[in-house]
């Protein structure tokens, strides 16, 4: 290590904290919000149950970051979800009850006393090993830069709490997709990934509506490992220490779309406390660039942000995946506000890799354009004429609200 101070020294300023908090809030993904349970911004005098080892300070130390340098001795201890929610609840006249969840009876008793139950679960991942299951196994136990899971049955904990309280919120601290057999039994789900040192403050801001969750999934959440593109031992984990890569470009959402596999949550997905609509698409191709323009409108009653995503479908003869993300932009809007957004696509967005030429090739043709806020929600469509192709009308007008 050529710069030991980068690992050992404390680097903690108010500006660092503010940035960490903002990053955690903006990257948290709201996966479900039935009956608009969240945010808890109306009312006072409520009883809030916070349940799970990942919620307390010791658990948060192993749930706020994955294995590696995020656990350097110079990194300050994270604010736990319990601390953050307690501090926020005190300003709203709410009281907080806590159970670590290691006893099902204790978790049930606390959940039954509460108006809302918040279960914080975690999974531990690290660069040095692969996951063998999608089931969350609890916060990591970290020594230096190495972490290992505690092996807790987080799914059972959620199911226990959901059976005791119909207003259950699940907060996930994990670096990758997890299984959710309890999905239909809970009201709201917030995926905070590894939220960092401002963990508890950020999740409290989101739960109480100080901030709007505006993150979108950077990967597909599968229903099971069987839905993934690796189907044989030769592909994974390999035979005689050799893995055979046969997926080509059909990985992630590209595989799910090509094989019509329904995901648990699609790539690019993310809800908000408000709603948005897309309209007035326009596609303009010229020389080596294509501009995709659309209008996004906040159709709800709260300020919020959505991420407009532009997908390109190549001509079928080229053998590419059904669609590929080529551009995106997050837009923050006040209630009722609209904004015209333009995504600029260069020649690379319409190019495919040629093994024979060992380079990117742009082929003449009519390329499908679609716009929305996930790989499975693309209400606006159009066509880009590339290389002088004649394609007719280049847009279809649709709108979509969610």
Protein backbone atom coordinates (compact mmCIF):
# COMPACT_ATOMS: atom_id res chain seq x y z
CA UNK A 1 0.00 0.00 0.00
CA UNK A 2 1.73 3.18 -1.19
CA UNK A 3 -0.62 5.57 0.63
CA UNK A 4 -1.45 4.02 4.02
CA UNK A 5 -3.00 7.28 5.24
CA UNK A 6 -5.78 6.88 2.67
CA UNK A 7 -6.87 3.77 4.58
CA UNK A 8 -6.05 4.74 8.15
CA UNK A 9 -6.80 8.44 8.54
CA UNK A 10 -10.18 9.92 9.37
CA UNK A 11 -11.71 11.90 6.50
CA UNK A 12 -14.94 13.22 7.91
CA UNK A 13 -16.16 16.78 7.36
CA UNK A 14 -19.65 18.31 7.35
CA UNK A 15 -19.41 18.62 3.57
CA UNK A 16 -18.49 14.94 3.26
CA UNK A 17 -21.43 13.99 5.45
CA UNK A 18 -23.88 16.12 3.50
CA UNK A 19 -22.71 14.59 0.23
CA UNK A 20 -22.91 11.06 1.63
CA UNK A 21 -26.44 11.70 2.84
CA UNK A 22 -27.56 13.13 -0.50
CA UNK A 23 -26.01 10.26 -2.44
CA UNK A 24 -27.72 7.68 -0.25
CA UNK A 25 -31.11 9.38 -0.54
CA UNK A 26 -30.93 9.81 -4.31
CA UNK A 27 -29.75 6.26 -4.98
CA UNK A 28 -32.32 4.49 -2.77
CA UNK A 29 -34.94 2.69 -4.87
CA UNK A 30 -38.59 2.58 -3.86
CA UNK A 31 -39.68 -0.87 -5.07
CA UNK A 32 -43.19 -0.95 -3.63
CA UNK A 33 -45.53 1.48 -1.87
CA UNK A 34 -48.97 -0.07 -1.52
CA UNK A 35 -51.74 2.23 -0.30
CA UNK A 36 -49.17 5.07 -0.21
CA UNK A 37 -48.04 3.95 3.23
CA UNK A 38 -44.91 6.05 2.79
CA UNK A 39 -43.99 8.74 3.51
CA UNK A 40 -44.93 9.10 7.16
CA UNK A 41 -45.40 12.85 6.83
CA UNK A 42 -48.93 13.15 8.18
CA UNK A 43 -49.92 12.67 11.78
CA UNK A 44 -48.14 12.53 15.12
CA UNK A 45 -48.08 10.42 18.23
CA UNK A 46 -47.58 7.19 16.30
CA UNK A 47 -45.74 4.11 17.50
CA UNK A 48 -43.02 3.02 15.08
CA UNK A 49 -41.47 -0.44 15.42
CA UNK A 50 -37.90 -0.79 14.14
CA UNK A 51 -36.84 -4.42 13.86
CA UNK A 52 -33.66 -6.20 12.75
CA UNK A 53 -30.01 -6.48 13.72
CA UNK A 54 -29.09 -4.41 10.66
CA UNK A 55 -30.97 -1.50 12.24
CA UNK A 56 -28.83 -1.14 15.36
CA UNK A 57 -25.37 0.48 15.48
CA UNK A 58 -23.44 -2.80 15.60
CA UNK A 59 -25.41 -4.30 12.72
CA UNK A 60 -25.25 -1.12 10.65
CA UNK A 61 -21.45 -1.26 10.82
CA UNK A 62 -21.65 -4.45 8.74
CA UNK A 63 -24.62 -3.43 6.59
CA UNK A 64 -23.69 0.07 5.42
CA UNK A 65 -20.96 -1.11 3.05
CA UNK A 66 -19.69 -4.28 1.43
CA UNK A 67 -16.41 -6.02 2.13
CA UNK A 68 -13.31 -4.04 1.18
CA UNK A 69 -11.93 -0.58 1.76
CA UNK A 70 -15.32 0.79 2.87
CA UNK A 71 -14.39 -0.75 6.22
CA UNK A 72 -11.01 0.96 6.57
CA UNK A 73 -10.12 2.17 10.06
CA UNK A 74 -10.32 5.75 8.80
CA UNK A 75 -13.99 5.39 7.85
CA UNK A 76 -16.31 6.83 10.53
CA UNK A 77 -18.95 4.60 12.06
CA UNK A 78 -22.25 4.87 10.18
CA UNK A 79 -25.41 6.34 11.61
CA UNK A 80 -27.68 3.34 12.15
CA UNK A 81 -31.29 3.22 10.89
CA UNK A 82 -32.45 2.95 14.51
CA UNK A 83 -30.59 6.14 15.46
CA UNK A 84 -31.78 8.04 12.40
CA UNK A 85 -35.42 7.01 12.80
CA UNK A 86 -35.39 7.70 16.55
CA UNK A 87 -34.02 11.21 15.98
CA UNK A 88 -36.58 11.97 13.27
CA UNK A 89 -39.47 10.43 15.22
CA UNK A 90 -38.69 12.65 18.20
CA UNK A 91 -39.31 15.75 16.06
CA UNK A 92 -42.72 14.37 15.01
CA UNK A 93 -43.99 13.26 18.40
CA UNK A 94 -43.68 9.58 17.49
CA UNK A 95 -42.23 6.91 19.76
CA UNK A 96 -39.95 4.11 18.59
CA UNK A 97 -39.88 0.52 19.85
CA UNK A 98 -36.98 -1.77 18.92
CA UNK A 99 -36.37 -5.52 18.64
CA UNK A 100 -33.29 -7.03 17.05
CA UNK A 101 -35.37 -9.83 15.52
CA UNK A 102 -33.28 -12.70 16.82
CA UNK A 103 -36.36 -13.77 18.77
CA UNK A 104 -39.49 -14.23 16.68
CA UNK A 105 -41.65 -13.74 19.76
CA UNK A 106 -40.00 -10.39 20.54
CA UNK A 107 -40.32 -9.23 16.93
CA UNK A 108 -44.00 -10.19 16.89
CA UNK A 109 -44.72 -8.46 20.20
CA UNK A 110 -43.08 -5.20 19.13
CA UNK A 111 -44.69 -5.27 15.68
CA UNK A 112 -48.16 -5.78 17.14
CA UNK A 113 -47.80 -2.68 19.33
CA UNK A 114 -46.89 -0.42 16.42
CA UNK A 115 -48.82 1.59 13.86
CA UNK A 116 -46.03 0.93 11.36
CA UNK A 117 -43.31 -1.75 11.49
CA UNK A 118 -39.99 -1.07 9.76
CA UNK A 119 -37.85 -4.16 9.21
CA UNK A 120 -34.23 -3.52 8.24
CA UNK A 121 -32.57 -6.51 6.60
CA UNK A 122 -29.13 -6.92 5.07
CA UNK A 123 -26.92 -9.15 3.01
CA UNK A 124 -23.13 -9.20 2.99
CA UNK A 125 -21.19 -9.29 -0.27
CA UNK A 126 -17.51 -8.93 -1.01
CA UNK A 127 -15.16 -8.90 -3.97
CA UNK A 128 -13.43 -12.03 -2.77
CA UNK A 129 -16.26 -14.54 -3.07
CA UNK A 130 -19.44 -15.34 -4.98
CA UNK A 131 -22.94 -15.56 -3.58
CA UNK A 132 -24.51 -19.00 -3.51
CA UNK A 133 -28.07 -17.84 -2.89
CA UNK A 134 -30.35 -14.85 -3.39
CA UNK A 135 -31.54 -15.11 0.23
CA UNK A 136 -30.34 -12.27 2.44
CA UNK A 137 -28.11 -13.55 5.22
CA UNK A 138 -27.84 -10.60 7.58
CA UNK A 139 -25.25 -7.86 8.07
CA UNK A 140 -21.60 -8.66 7.58
CA UNK A 141 -19.08 -9.26 10.32
CA UNK A 142 -16.03 -7.31 9.17
CA UNK A 143 -12.42 -7.71 10.25
CA UNK A 144 -10.13 -5.26 8.44
CA UNK A 145 -11.24 -5.42 4.77
CA UNK A 146 -12.79 -8.89 4.94
CA UNK A 147 -16.47 -9.49 5.72
CA UNK A 148 -18.59 -12.58 6.18
CA UNK A 149 -22.33 -12.90 6.63
CA UNK A 150 -23.93 -13.84 9.93
CA UNK A 151 -26.22 -16.40 8.29
CA UNK A 152 -29.42 -14.89 9.68
CA UNK A 153 -32.70 -15.87 8.06
CA UNK A 154 -33.83 -12.40 7.03
CA UNK A 155 -36.75 -13.70 4.94
CA UNK A 156 -38.21 -15.45 7.97
CA UNK A 157 -37.90 -12.25 9.99
CA UNK A 158 -39.83 -10.22 7.41
CA UNK A 159 -42.55 -12.88 7.21
CA UNK A 160 -42.87 -12.90 11.01
CA UNK A 161 -43.24 -9.12 11.23
CA UNK A 162 -45.62 -8.92 8.25
CA UNK A 163 -47.88 -11.51 9.90
CA UNK A 164 -48.03 -9.33 13.02
CA UNK A 165 -48.46 -5.91 11.42
CA UNK A 166 -50.29 -5.13 8.13
CA UNK A 167 -48.32 -1.89 7.74
CA UNK A 168 -44.86 -3.34 7.29
CA UNK A 169 -42.02 -1.48 5.56
CA UNK A 170 -38.88 -3.36 4.50
CA UNK A 171 -35.55 -1.53 4.19
CA UNK A 172 -32.87 -3.50 2.34
CA UNK A 173 -29.13 -2.92 2.84
CA UNK A 174 -27.44 -5.10 0.22
CA UNK A 175 -25.18 -4.73 -2.78
CA UNK A 176 -27.16 -6.93 -5.15
CA UNK A 177 -30.63 -8.43 -5.76
CA UNK A 178 -32.15 -10.57 -3.03
CA UNK A 179 -35.09 -12.98 -2.94
CA UNK A 180 -38.41 -11.62 -1.67
CA UNK A 181 -40.84 -14.46 -0.87
CA UNK A 182 -42.64 -11.94 1.36
CA UNK A 183 -43.19 -9.39 -1.45
CA UNK A 184 -46.98 -9.73 -1.41
CA UNK A 185 -47.20 -9.48 2.40
CA UNK A 186 -45.57 -6.07 2.97
CA UNK A 187 -46.75 -2.59 2.06
CA UNK A 188 -43.52 -0.80 1.16
CA UNK A 189 -39.95 -1.68 0.18
CA UNK A 190 -36.94 0.64 0.07
CA UNK A 191 -33.69 -0.74 -1.36
CA UNK A 192 -30.90 1.43 0.02
CA UNK A 193 -28.04 -0.72 -1.38
CA UNK A 194 -24.98 -0.08 0.82
CA UNK A 195 -25.96 3.36 2.11
CA UNK A 196 -22.68 4.47 3.69
CA UNK A 197 -21.95 6.53 6.77
CA UNK A 198 -25.21 8.52 6.63
CA UNK A 199 -27.27 5.33 6.45
CA UNK A 200 -29.76 6.08 9.24
CA UNK A 201 -30.19 9.78 8.55
CA UNK A 202 -30.82 9.14 4.86
CA UNK A 203 -33.39 6.39 5.41
CA UNK A 204 -35.17 8.50 8.04
CA UNK A 205 -35.39 11.40 5.58
CA UNK A 206 -36.94 9.08 3.02
CA UNK A 207 -39.36 7.37 5.38
CA UNK A 208 -40.64 10.69 6.71
CA UNK A 209 -40.79 12.36 3.29
CA UNK A 210 -38.04 14.93 3.73
CA UNK A 211 -36.61 13.51 0.52
CA UNK A 212 -38.17 11.64 -2.40
CA UNK A 213 -36.68 8.25 -3.33
CA UNK A 214 -35.55 8.65 -6.93
CA UNK A 215 -33.10 5.81 -7.50
CA UNK A 216 -33.63 3.30 -10.33
CA UNK A 217 -32.34 -0.26 -10.50
CA UNK A 218 -28.97 -0.62 -12.28
CA UNK A 219 -29.59 -4.35 -12.70
CA UNK A 220 -32.44 -6.80 -13.14
CA UNK A 221 -33.85 -8.42 -10.01
CA UNK A 222 -34.62 -12.07 -10.92
CA UNK A 223 -37.35 -14.18 -9.38
CA UNK A 224 -34.84 -16.99 -8.86
CA UNK A 225 -31.32 -18.02 -9.80
CA UNK A 226 -32.86 -20.38 -12.37
CA UNK A 227 -33.93 -17.33 -14.39
CA UNK A 228 -30.34 -16.19 -14.90
CA UNK A 229 -28.47 -16.75 -18.20
CA UNK A 230 -25.90 -19.13 -16.70
CA UNK A 231 -27.54 -22.55 -17.06
CA UNK A 232 -24.68 -25.08 -17.04
CA UNK A 233 -21.74 -25.91 -14.75
CA UNK A 234 -19.43 -25.07 -17.65
CA UNK A 235 -20.76 -21.50 -17.61
CA UNK A 236 -20.69 -21.23 -13.82
CA UNK A 237 -18.97 -22.11 -11.55
CA UNK A 238 -16.80 -23.70 -14.24
CA UNK A 239 -15.13 -27.05 -14.74
CA UNK A 240 -11.53 -27.63 -13.68
CA UNK A 241 -11.21 -23.92 -12.86
CA UNK A 242 -12.30 -22.92 -16.35
CA UNK A 243 -15.53 -21.05 -17.11
CA UNK A 244 -17.01 -21.06 -20.61
CA UNK A 245 -18.53 -17.73 -21.58
CA UNK A 246 -21.32 -18.35 -24.09
CA UNK A 247 -23.82 -15.63 -23.23
CA UNK A 248 -22.45 -13.09 -25.70
CA UNK A 249 -24.28 -9.78 -25.33
CA UNK A 250 -27.34 -11.51 -23.81
CA UNK A 251 -26.71 -10.69 -20.17
CA UNK A 252 -28.79 -8.82 -17.61
CA UNK A 253 -31.98 -7.28 -18.96
CA UNK A 254 -30.86 -8.13 -22.51
CA UNK A 255 -31.18 -11.82 -21.66
CA UNK A 256 -34.49 -11.39 -19.85
CA UNK A 257 -35.98 -9.45 -22.79
CA UNK A 258 -34.63 -11.81 -25.46
CA UNK A 259 -36.07 -14.88 -23.70
CA UNK A 260 -39.28 -13.25 -22.43
CA UNK A 261 -38.39 -13.97 -18.81
CA UNK A 262 -40.45 -11.99 -16.31
CA UNK A 263 -38.20 -10.44 -13.65
CA UNK A 264 -39.11 -9.69 -10.06
CA UNK A 265 -38.24 -6.07 -10.83
CA UNK A 266 -36.95 -4.93 -14.24
CA UNK A 267 -33.76 -3.07 -15.02
CA UNK A 268 -34.21 0.68 -14.61
CA UNK A 269 -37.25 0.34 -12.32
CA UNK A 270 -37.92 2.79 -9.50
CA UNK A 271 -41.00 4.36 -7.96
CA UNK A 272 -41.47 7.78 -6.37
CA UNK A 273 -43.81 9.43 -3.88
CA UNK A 274 -45.26 11.29 -6.85
CA UNK A 275 -46.21 10.22 -10.40
CA UNK A 276 -44.87 11.08 -13.85
CA UNK A 277 -46.02 11.06 -17.44
CA UNK A 278 -44.06 10.93 -20.71
CA UNK A 279 -45.32 12.57 -23.91
CA UNK A 280 -44.45 14.38 -27.18
CA UNK A 281 -41.57 12.22 -28.45
CA UNK A 282 -39.36 13.44 -31.28
CA UNK A 283 -36.48 11.62 -32.96
CA UNK A 284 -34.12 13.53 -35.23
CA UNK A 285 -31.17 11.86 -36.97
CA UNK A 286 -28.52 13.82 -38.82
CA UNK A 287 -24.97 13.07 -39.86
CA UNK A 288 -23.42 11.05 -37.00
CA UNK A 289 -25.83 12.00 -34.20
CA UNK A 290 -29.45 11.37 -33.19
CA UNK A 291 -31.42 13.50 -30.77
CA UNK A 292 -34.28 11.92 -28.83
CA UNK A 293 -36.55 14.51 -27.23
CA UNK A 294 -39.52 13.98 -24.92
CA UNK A 295 -41.61 15.82 -22.35
CA UNK A 296 -41.72 14.57 -18.78
CA UNK A 297 -44.44 15.85 -16.42
CA UNK A 298 -44.88 15.53 -12.67
CA UNK A 299 -48.54 14.48 -12.56
CA UNK A 300 -48.67 14.10 -8.78
CA UNK A 301 -48.89 16.34 -5.72
CA UNK A 302 -45.28 16.27 -4.50
CA UNK A 303 -41.88 17.34 -5.76
CA UNK A 304 -39.92 14.40 -7.12
CA UNK A 305 -37.53 13.09 -9.74
CA UNK A 306 -37.76 10.43 -12.42
CA UNK A 307 -35.14 8.97 -14.73
CA UNK A 308 -36.02 9.07 -18.42
CA UNK A 309 -34.33 6.21 -20.29
CA UNK A 310 -33.74 5.85 -24.04
CA UNK A 311 -33.53 2.33 -25.48
CA UNK A 312 -32.41 1.39 -29.01
CA UNK A 313 -33.62 -1.69 -30.91
CA UNK A 314 -31.23 -2.73 -33.71
CA UNK A 315 -32.46 -4.16 -37.03
CA UNK A 316 -33.22 -7.87 -36.51
CA UNK A 317 -30.64 -8.98 -39.09
CA UNK A 318 -27.82 -7.80 -36.82
CA UNK A 319 -28.64 -10.34 -34.08
CA UNK A 320 -28.45 -7.86 -31.22
CA UNK A 321 -30.58 -7.98 -28.02
CA UNK A 322 -34.17 -6.69 -28.40
CA UNK A 323 -33.28 -3.32 -26.90
CA UNK A 324 -30.34 -1.64 -25.23
CA UNK A 325 -30.11 1.37 -22.95
CA UNK A 326 -28.21 4.15 -24.72
CA UNK A 327 -28.98 7.26 -22.70
CA UNK A 328 -30.77 8.50 -19.58
CA UNK A 329 -31.35 11.64 -17.54
CA UNK A 330 -32.79 12.31 -14.09
CA UNK A 331 -35.24 15.22 -13.99
CA UNK A 332 -36.50 16.88 -10.81
CA UNK A 333 -39.94 18.48 -11.10
CA UNK A 334 -42.39 20.38 -8.95
CA UNK A 335 -46.06 19.21 -8.92
CA UNK A 336 -47.62 19.89 -12.30
CA UNK A 337 -44.32 20.97 -13.84
CA UNK A 338 -43.19 19.73 -17.26
CA UNK A 339 -39.77 19.78 -18.85
CA UNK A 340 -38.57 19.10 -22.36
CA UNK A 341 -35.57 16.75 -22.28
CA UNK A 342 -33.18 15.87 -25.11
CA UNK A 343 -30.87 12.86 -25.03
CA UNK A 344 -28.01 13.04 -27.55
CA UNK A 345 -26.95 9.71 -29.07
CA UNK A 346 -23.72 9.45 -31.05
CA UNK A 347 -22.74 6.86 -33.66
CA UNK A 348 -21.59 4.41 -30.97
CA UNK A 349 -25.22 4.09 -29.77
CA UNK A 350 -26.09 2.51 -33.13
CA UNK A 351 -22.96 0.36 -33.49
CA UNK A 352 -22.34 -3.33 -32.89
CA UNK A 353 -19.09 -5.14 -32.15
CA UNK A 354 -17.60 -7.06 -35.05
CA UNK A 355 -15.22 -9.84 -33.94
CA UNK A 356 -13.99 -10.15 -37.52
CA UNK A 357 -13.08 -6.47 -37.75
CA UNK A 358 -12.22 -6.16 -34.06
CA UNK A 359 -14.10 -2.91 -33.91
CA UNK A 360 -17.46 -1.17 -33.69
CA UNK A 361 -19.56 -1.10 -36.86
CA UNK A 362 -22.50 1.18 -37.63
CA UNK A 363 -24.91 -0.48 -40.07
CA UNK A 364 -27.45 1.28 -42.25
CA UNK A 365 -31.04 0.68 -41.22
CA UNK A 366 -34.12 1.69 -39.23
CA UNK A 367 -33.48 1.54 -35.49
CA UNK A 368 -36.34 1.45 -32.99
CA UNK A 369 -36.34 4.11 -30.28
CA UNK A 370 -38.31 3.81 -27.05
CA UNK A 371 -38.45 6.06 -24.01
CA UNK A 372 -39.68 5.41 -20.48
CA UNK A 373 -38.43 4.85 -16.95
CA UNK A 374 -37.51 1.17 -17.00
CA UNK A 375 -36.63 -1.54 -19.53
CA UNK A 376 -40.22 -2.82 -19.27
CA UNK A 377 -42.01 0.56 -19.20
CA UNK A 378 -41.31 2.45 -22.44
CA UNK A 379 -44.49 4.30 -23.49
CA UNK A 380 -42.91 6.49 -26.17
CA UNK A 381 -41.67 4.97 -29.42
CA UNK A 382 -40.05 6.18 -32.62
CA UNK A 383 -37.55 5.33 -35.33
CA UNK A 384 -34.04 6.55 -36.10
CA UNK A 385 -32.93 6.41 -39.74
CA UNK A 386 -29.23 5.54 -39.70
CA UNK A 387 -26.84 5.62 -42.66
CA UNK A 388 -29.34 7.19 -45.05
CA UNK A 389 -32.06 4.58 -44.51
CA UNK A 390 -35.63 5.55 -45.41
CA UNK A 391 -37.90 4.73 -42.47
CA UNK A 392 -41.10 6.75 -42.80
CA UNK A 393 -42.64 8.34 -39.71
CA UNK A 394 -40.12 8.61 -36.92
CA UNK A 395 -42.30 8.87 -33.81
CA UNK A 396 -45.47 7.58 -32.25
CA UNK A 397 -47.13 9.69 -29.61
CA UNK A 398 -48.11 8.02 -26.38
CA UNK A 399 -48.18 9.02 -22.75
CA UNK A 400 -47.91 7.07 -19.56
CA UNK A 401 -48.63 7.82 -15.96
CA UNK A 402 -47.56 5.89 -12.92
